[in-house]
């Protein structure tokens, strides 16, 4: 069956690569969502001809209506526009490539409709993944991870139970980031441009900075717990600079299944778009010639951001939300040159410690806590 795709966050790194795959596979795109009225978004709408689009900025929606006045389509505007798009669009698969906790509401909207959700929006999974999982289970929504590490875990576990009767542990790989060979003193001079330039992966600014601080791996650890319903203690973080093995699953008999591939996000995006099938094209095959793979175990104390993430998922409640909100705000300050690179950790740790005991009983509580922490850090 030719799947109809609704894409949230179409102008970002994951979004543009998703449309590249839709173009190559002739997948119909029935809904598009972005934040601002850019030339790129207009070009995407004109190429893929969705019947409904959304812009989170209401002024941008008004501008886009003027730009696209020659087309027959519905344009939604406002903070709730992504969710309304998901509620109204005719789609078989919602791809959530939005950045930040703003991706939570549309993910829940997809889950409530029982539409398959392919998500790269790790912040919503980290802060409120248990709510998404509950709603998805209730309404028969399949959640497919797009992050390369979680896609790898998902692929390694196909046909296998996550029960400890079968699964011993998951091995989460990390490149180590661009500054793994720098001393702490040298990190004070790191610029936003350097931190956002990952040596292996093509990613957005926020996730690239997270990779540089290793918070990305902490968030991915929490995400793995949420997605696969495993214990935090059953996840080992491995530093693997080549980014060839994207993650592994070890089973009770000692067998380890690994997912390998060239470091290209299109591989895991394409898997999510075509699941349960697979298709050819778009990716360079992995060359085994001169391939040299190295690994080291990330132990407690080696990476403070990962240690904070382990503490957050053990505590539960509002702790993961507090950690994620503090991280988003700190990175925003860094990218705007208001704090220096090592101060990302001190800012995150300080505000996480202040709010880690907060309780959350609903997605609305998560959003309130997130907003409160960000306002306190940024104001």
Protein backbone atom coordinates (compact mmCIF):
# COMPACT_ATOMS: atom_id res chain seq x y z
CA UNK A 1 0.00 0.00 0.00
CA UNK A 2 1.25 3.51 -0.85
CA UNK A 3 1.38 5.27 2.53
CA UNK A 4 0.13 8.83 2.85
CA UNK A 5 2.61 10.88 4.88
CA UNK A 6 2.00 13.82 7.20
CA UNK A 7 5.30 15.50 8.09
CA UNK A 8 5.81 17.82 11.06
CA UNK A 9 8.98 19.89 11.03
CA UNK A 10 9.47 19.72 7.29
CA UNK A 11 12.17 22.38 6.99
CA UNK A 12 14.63 20.90 9.50
CA UNK A 13 17.34 18.33 8.89
CA UNK A 14 15.13 15.26 9.46
CA UNK A 15 12.23 16.88 7.64
CA UNK A 16 14.14 17.71 4.47
CA UNK A 17 15.66 14.22 4.37
CA UNK A 18 12.21 12.70 4.86
CA UNK A 19 10.92 14.60 1.85
CA UNK A 20 13.95 13.47 -0.14
CA UNK A 21 12.86 9.89 0.52
CA UNK A 22 9.20 10.64 -0.22
CA UNK A 23 10.30 12.13 -3.52
CA UNK A 24 12.45 9.10 -4.42
CA UNK A 25 9.76 6.59 -3.41
CA UNK A 26 6.84 8.62 -4.83
CA UNK A 27 5.13 8.64 -1.42
CA UNK A 28 2.19 11.08 -1.28
CA UNK A 29 2.56 13.88 1.29
CA UNK A 30 -0.86 14.96 2.51
CA UNK A 31 0.20 17.32 5.32
CA UNK A 32 3.18 19.57 6.05
CA UNK A 33 4.05 21.61 9.12
CA UNK A 34 6.75 24.18 9.90
CA UNK A 35 7.25 27.07 12.27
CA UNK A 36 8.01 29.98 9.93
CA UNK A 37 7.00 31.06 6.42
CA UNK A 38 10.28 30.39 4.63
CA UNK A 39 11.03 30.08 0.94
CA UNK A 40 11.89 26.44 1.59
CA UNK A 41 8.49 25.69 3.11
CA UNK A 42 6.71 27.38 0.22
CA UNK A 43 8.76 25.32 -2.24
CA UNK A 44 7.90 22.11 -0.36
CA UNK A 45 4.18 22.89 -0.43
CA UNK A 46 4.27 23.65 -4.15
CA UNK A 47 6.21 20.46 -4.94
CA UNK A 48 4.29 17.95 -2.80
CA UNK A 49 0.82 19.55 -3.00
CA UNK A 50 -0.50 18.65 0.47
CA UNK A 51 -4.18 19.42 1.04
CA UNK A 52 -3.52 20.89 4.49
CA UNK A 53 -0.50 22.65 6.03
CA UNK A 54 0.25 24.23 9.40
CA UNK A 55 2.55 26.91 10.75
CA UNK A 56 3.07 27.35 14.48
CA UNK A 57 3.58 31.10 14.10
CA UNK A 58 0.18 32.70 13.34
CA UNK A 59 1.82 35.62 11.50
CA UNK A 60 3.70 33.12 9.35
CA UNK A 61 0.42 31.36 8.54
CA UNK A 62 -1.09 34.66 7.41
CA UNK A 63 1.95 35.37 5.24
CA UNK A 64 1.88 31.87 3.73
CA UNK A 65 -1.81 32.27 2.82
CA UNK A 66 -0.83 35.29 0.74
CA UNK A 67 2.10 33.45 -0.84
CA UNK A 68 0.01 30.40 -1.74
CA UNK A 69 -3.18 32.20 -2.71
CA UNK A 70 -3.06 30.53 -6.13
CA UNK A 71 -3.35 27.07 -4.56
CA UNK A 72 -6.39 25.29 -3.17
CA UNK A 73 -5.41 24.11 0.32
CA UNK A 74 -6.13 24.65 4.01
CA UNK A 75 -3.57 26.62 6.03
CA UNK A 76 -3.69 26.38 9.82
CA UNK A 77 -1.90 28.82 12.10
CA UNK A 78 -1.07 29.10 15.81
CA UNK A 79 0.57 27.09 18.58
CA UNK A 80 -2.03 24.33 18.29
CA UNK A 81 -1.81 24.19 14.47
CA UNK A 82 0.46 21.09 14.39
CA UNK A 83 -2.01 19.16 16.55
CA UNK A 84 -5.00 20.33 14.51
CA UNK A 85 -3.17 19.27 11.36
CA UNK A 86 -2.71 15.76 12.75
CA UNK A 87 -6.34 15.62 13.84
CA UNK A 88 -7.65 16.62 10.40
CA UNK A 89 -5.18 15.22 7.87
CA UNK A 90 -5.82 12.13 5.76
CA UNK A 91 -2.63 10.18 6.50
CA UNK A 92 -1.38 6.67 7.26
CA UNK A 93 1.84 7.80 8.91
CA UNK A 94 2.71 10.91 10.93
CA UNK A 95 6.42 11.76 10.96
CA UNK A 96 7.25 14.01 13.91
CA UNK A 97 10.53 15.76 13.07
CA UNK A 98 9.81 18.78 15.27
CA UNK A 99 12.42 19.95 17.75
CA UNK A 100 11.61 20.41 21.42
CA UNK A 101 8.71 19.67 23.75
CA UNK A 102 6.34 21.39 21.28
CA UNK A 103 6.26 18.00 19.55
CA UNK A 104 4.37 16.42 22.46
CA UNK A 105 0.83 17.57 21.60
CA UNK A 106 0.91 16.42 17.93
CA UNK A 107 2.41 13.07 18.96
CA UNK A 108 -0.46 12.56 21.37
CA UNK A 109 -2.89 13.61 18.63
CA UNK A 110 -1.50 10.93 16.31
CA UNK A 111 -1.68 8.34 19.09
CA UNK A 112 -5.32 9.21 19.81
CA UNK A 113 -6.21 8.70 16.15
CA UNK A 114 -4.40 5.38 16.05
CA UNK A 115 -2.19 6.61 13.18
CA UNK A 116 1.30 5.12 13.03
CA UNK A 117 3.72 7.62 14.56
CA UNK A 118 7.32 7.76 13.36
CA UNK A 119 9.09 10.10 15.72
CA UNK A 120 12.44 11.86 15.89
CA UNK A 121 11.08 14.21 18.55
CA UNK A 122 13.10 12.82 21.43
CA UNK A 123 12.19 15.61 23.85
CA UNK A 124 8.54 14.56 24.00
CA UNK A 125 9.51 10.92 24.53
CA UNK A 126 11.95 11.88 27.30
CA UNK A 127 9.61 14.23 29.13
CA UNK A 128 6.30 12.41 28.60
CA UNK A 129 6.97 9.12 26.84
CA UNK A 130 4.94 7.13 29.35
CA UNK A 131 1.86 9.20 28.50
CA UNK A 132 2.43 8.74 24.76
CA UNK A 133 2.88 5.00 25.24
CA UNK A 134 -0.35 4.70 27.28
CA UNK A 135 -2.41 6.60 24.68
CA UNK A 136 -0.80 4.71 21.80
CA UNK A 137 -1.57 1.36 23.42
CA UNK A 138 -5.17 2.36 24.10
CA UNK A 139 -5.83 3.43 20.49
CA UNK A 140 -3.69 0.90 18.61
CA UNK A 141 -1.03 3.37 17.49
CA UNK A 142 2.33 1.90 16.46
CA UNK A 143 5.28 4.10 17.50
CA UNK A 144 8.36 3.81 15.29
CA UNK A 145 11.62 5.47 16.36
CA UNK A 146 13.57 7.48 13.81
CA UNK A 147 16.70 8.21 15.87
CA UNK A 148 19.42 5.98 14.45
CA UNK A 149 20.17 4.33 17.80
CA UNK A 150 16.56 3.49 18.60
CA UNK A 151 15.79 2.42 15.07
CA UNK A 152 18.77 0.07 15.41
CA UNK A 153 17.48 -1.32 18.71
CA UNK A 154 14.01 -1.75 17.22
CA UNK A 155 15.46 -3.63 14.25
CA UNK A 156 17.66 -5.82 16.45
CA UNK A 157 14.66 -6.75 18.61
CA UNK A 158 12.31 -7.64 15.75
CA UNK A 159 10.46 -10.82 16.71
CA UNK A 160 12.09 -10.84 20.15
CA UNK A 161 10.51 -10.08 23.53
CA UNK A 162 11.88 -7.30 25.73
CA UNK A 163 11.32 -9.62 28.70
CA UNK A 164 14.43 -10.37 30.75
CA UNK A 165 13.70 -14.00 29.96
CA UNK A 166 15.09 -13.23 26.50
CA UNK A 167 16.76 -9.80 26.50
CA UNK A 168 19.82 -9.24 28.69
CA UNK A 169 20.63 -5.64 27.77
CA UNK A 170 20.68 -3.00 25.09
CA UNK A 171 23.96 -1.44 23.98
CA UNK A 172 23.60 2.21 23.04
CA UNK A 173 26.45 3.54 20.91
CA UNK A 174 27.83 7.10 20.98
CA UNK A 175 30.36 8.77 18.71
CA UNK A 176 31.85 10.68 21.63
CA UNK A 177 31.12 14.04 20.05
CA UNK A 178 33.50 16.51 18.41
CA UNK A 179 35.45 17.42 21.57
CA UNK A 180 36.36 14.03 22.98
CA UNK A 181 40.08 14.80 22.66
CA UNK A 182 39.94 18.27 24.23
CA UNK A 183 40.73 19.03 27.86
CA UNK A 184 38.17 20.75 30.08
CA UNK A 185 40.17 23.98 29.97
CA UNK A 186 40.04 24.01 26.17
CA UNK A 187 36.23 23.80 26.14
CA UNK A 188 35.77 27.36 27.40
CA UNK A 189 36.65 28.68 23.94
CA UNK A 190 34.22 26.43 22.03
CA UNK A 191 31.92 28.47 19.79
CA UNK A 192 28.31 27.66 18.89
CA UNK A 193 29.46 27.06 15.31
CA UNK A 194 32.02 24.47 16.43
CA UNK A 195 29.57 22.69 18.74
CA UNK A 196 26.90 22.55 16.04
CA UNK A 197 29.29 20.98 13.52
CA UNK A 198 29.17 17.24 14.23
CA UNK A 199 32.08 15.33 12.68
CA UNK A 200 29.97 12.37 11.49
CA UNK A 201 26.22 13.07 11.43
CA UNK A 202 24.24 15.75 9.63
CA UNK A 203 21.91 17.06 12.33
CA UNK A 204 20.22 20.22 13.58
CA UNK A 205 21.98 22.68 15.89
CA UNK A 206 20.32 21.61 19.12
CA UNK A 207 20.96 17.89 18.76
CA UNK A 208 24.51 18.58 17.56
CA UNK A 209 25.26 20.56 20.72
CA UNK A 210 23.65 17.78 22.77
CA UNK A 211 26.04 15.37 21.07
CA UNK A 212 28.97 17.61 21.99
CA UNK A 213 27.98 17.63 25.68
CA UNK A 214 26.96 13.92 25.57
CA UNK A 215 23.50 14.94 26.82
CA UNK A 216 22.21 13.49 23.57
CA UNK A 217 23.23 10.07 24.82
CA UNK A 218 21.57 10.69 28.18
CA UNK A 219 18.32 11.68 26.48
CA UNK A 220 18.58 8.65 24.20
CA UNK A 221 19.02 6.41 27.24
CA UNK A 222 15.78 7.76 28.73
CA UNK A 223 14.14 7.45 25.32
CA UNK A 224 15.14 3.77 25.08
CA UNK A 225 13.62 3.09 28.50
CA UNK A 226 10.38 4.79 27.40
CA UNK A 227 10.18 3.17 23.96
CA UNK A 228 11.14 -0.39 24.85
CA UNK A 229 9.98 -0.61 28.48
CA UNK A 230 13.34 -1.79 29.79
CA UNK A 231 15.23 -0.90 32.96
CA UNK A 232 17.84 1.86 32.88
CA UNK A 233 20.35 -0.55 34.43
CA UNK A 234 19.96 -2.84 31.40
CA UNK A 235 21.34 -0.22 28.99
CA UNK A 236 25.09 0.09 28.44
CA UNK A 237 26.52 3.16 26.68
CA UNK A 238 29.43 2.39 24.36
CA UNK A 239 31.71 5.04 22.85
CA UNK A 240 32.10 4.07 19.18
CA UNK A 241 33.72 6.91 17.18
CA UNK A 242 33.13 5.38 13.73
CA UNK A 243 29.30 5.41 14.11
CA UNK A 244 29.01 2.24 12.03
CA UNK A 245 27.24 0.07 14.62
CA UNK A 246 24.22 2.15 15.57
CA UNK A 247 23.19 0.02 18.57
CA UNK A 248 22.96 -3.61 19.67
CA UNK A 249 20.80 -6.03 21.63
CA UNK A 250 22.28 -8.79 23.77
CA UNK A 251 20.10 -11.81 24.52
CA UNK A 252 20.06 -14.32 27.36
CA UNK A 253 22.05 -16.92 25.43
CA UNK A 254 24.95 -14.51 24.96
CA UNK A 255 24.11 -13.71 21.34
CA UNK A 256 24.44 -10.06 20.32
CA UNK A 257 22.57 -8.68 17.31
CA UNK A 258 23.92 -5.41 15.90
CA UNK A 259 22.57 -3.06 13.26
CA UNK A 260 25.30 -1.65 11.03
CA UNK A 261 25.27 0.90 8.25
CA UNK A 262 26.92 4.01 6.94
CA UNK A 263 26.21 7.04 9.18
CA UNK A 264 23.27 8.35 7.18
CA UNK A 265 19.97 9.37 8.79
CA UNK A 266 18.13 8.49 5.59
CA UNK A 267 18.57 4.80 6.44
CA UNK A 268 16.48 4.95 9.62
CA UNK A 269 14.01 7.45 8.15
CA UNK A 270 13.44 5.17 5.19
CA UNK A 271 12.98 2.16 7.49
CA UNK A 272 10.24 4.03 9.39
CA UNK A 273 8.51 5.17 6.19
CA UNK A 274 8.45 1.70 4.63
CA UNK A 275 8.07 -0.52 7.75
CA UNK A 276 7.44 -3.46 7.83
CA UNK A 277 8.87 -3.60 4.32
CA UNK A 278 12.32 -2.51 3.15
CA UNK A 279 13.31 -0.82 -0.09
CA UNK A 280 16.36 -0.03 -2.16
CA UNK A 281 17.96 3.28 -2.90
CA UNK A 282 19.26 6.56 -1.52
CA UNK A 283 21.96 5.14 0.74
CA UNK A 284 25.59 4.39 0.12
CA UNK A 285 26.30 0.77 1.09
CA UNK A 286 28.67 0.21 3.98
CA UNK A 287 32.18 -0.58 2.79
CA UNK A 288 34.05 -3.15 4.86
CA UNK A 289 37.35 -2.33 3.21
CA UNK A 290 39.75 -0.80 5.77
CA UNK A 291 36.94 -0.81 8.36
CA UNK A 292 38.36 -0.47 11.88
CA UNK A 293 35.85 -0.44 14.75
CA UNK A 294 36.68 0.72 18.28
CA UNK A 295 34.62 0.64 21.47
CA UNK A 296 34.96 1.76 25.08
CA UNK A 297 32.37 1.54 27.85
CA UNK A 298 31.07 4.83 29.24
CA UNK A 299 31.30 4.24 32.99
CA UNK A 300 29.68 6.18 35.84
CA UNK A 301 31.44 9.52 36.24
CA UNK A 302 32.88 9.59 32.71
CA UNK A 303 30.03 11.66 31.26
CA UNK A 304 28.13 13.78 33.83
CA UNK A 305 25.21 14.44 31.47
CA UNK A 306 24.60 10.71 31.06
CA UNK A 307 24.78 10.29 34.84
CA UNK A 308 22.09 12.99 35.25
CA UNK A 309 19.90 11.15 32.75
CA UNK A 310 20.27 7.87 34.63
CA UNK A 311 19.31 9.64 37.85
CA UNK A 312 16.29 11.25 36.15
CA UNK A 313 14.84 8.02 34.77
CA UNK A 314 15.38 6.28 38.13
CA UNK A 315 13.55 9.06 39.97
CA UNK A 316 10.73 9.26 37.42
CA UNK A 317 7.92 11.76 37.90
CA UNK A 318 8.93 15.20 36.70
CA UNK A 319 12.68 14.53 36.80
CA UNK A 320 13.08 13.64 33.09
CA UNK A 321 10.98 16.67 32.13
CA UNK A 322 13.07 18.93 34.37
CA UNK A 323 16.29 17.60 32.86
CA UNK A 324 15.04 18.04 29.30
CA UNK A 325 13.66 21.55 29.91
CA UNK A 326 16.87 22.73 31.56
CA UNK A 327 18.90 21.31 28.69
CA UNK A 328 16.77 22.97 25.99
CA UNK A 329 17.03 26.33 27.77
CA UNK A 330 20.77 26.06 28.42
CA UNK A 331 21.50 25.22 24.80
CA UNK A 332 19.39 28.17 23.66
CA UNK A 333 21.49 30.44 25.89
CA UNK A 334 24.70 28.95 24.50
CA UNK A 335 23.64 29.25 20.86
CA UNK A 336 22.77 32.89 21.55
CA UNK A 337 26.21 33.40 23.16
CA UNK A 338 24.82 34.18 26.62
CA UNK A 339 26.71 31.37 28.34
CA UNK A 340 29.90 29.47 27.43
CA UNK A 341 30.10 25.81 26.53
CA UNK A 342 31.06 24.35 29.97
CA UNK A 343 28.27 26.40 31.55
CA UNK A 344 25.70 24.28 29.73
CA UNK A 345 26.31 21.47 32.22
CA UNK A 346 26.36 23.69 35.33
CA UNK A 347 23.12 25.37 34.23
CA UNK A 348 21.39 22.07 33.53
CA UNK A 349 22.61 20.44 36.75
CA UNK A 350 21.55 23.40 38.90
CA UNK A 351 18.00 23.62 37.61
CA UNK A 352 17.55 19.87 37.37
CA UNK A 353 18.50 19.53 41.04
CA UNK A 354 15.99 22.24 41.95
CA UNK A 355 13.05 20.60 40.15
CA UNK A 356 13.79 16.88 40.07
CA UNK A 357 11.25 16.13 42.81
CA UNK A 358 8.32 17.72 40.94
CA UNK A 359 5.36 15.41 40.30
CA UNK A 360 3.53 15.18 36.99
CA UNK A 361 0.26 13.35 36.50
CA UNK A 362 -0.69 14.45 32.98
CA UNK A 363 0.83 15.78 29.75
CA UNK A 364 -0.45 19.22 30.78
CA UNK A 365 1.64 19.01 33.97
CA UNK A 366 4.67 18.19 31.83
CA UNK A 367 4.12 21.25 29.64
CA UNK A 368 3.60 23.53 32.65
CA UNK A 369 6.79 22.33 34.33
CA UNK A 370 8.72 22.62 31.08
CA UNK A 371 7.55 26.21 30.52
CA UNK A 372 8.24 27.23 34.12
CA UNK A 373 11.83 25.97 34.08
CA UNK A 374 12.61 27.53 30.69
CA UNK A 375 11.22 30.89 31.75
CA UNK A 376 13.25 30.86 34.95
CA UNK A 377 16.49 29.99 33.12
CA UNK A 378 16.08 32.35 30.18
CA UNK A 379 14.66 35.42 31.97
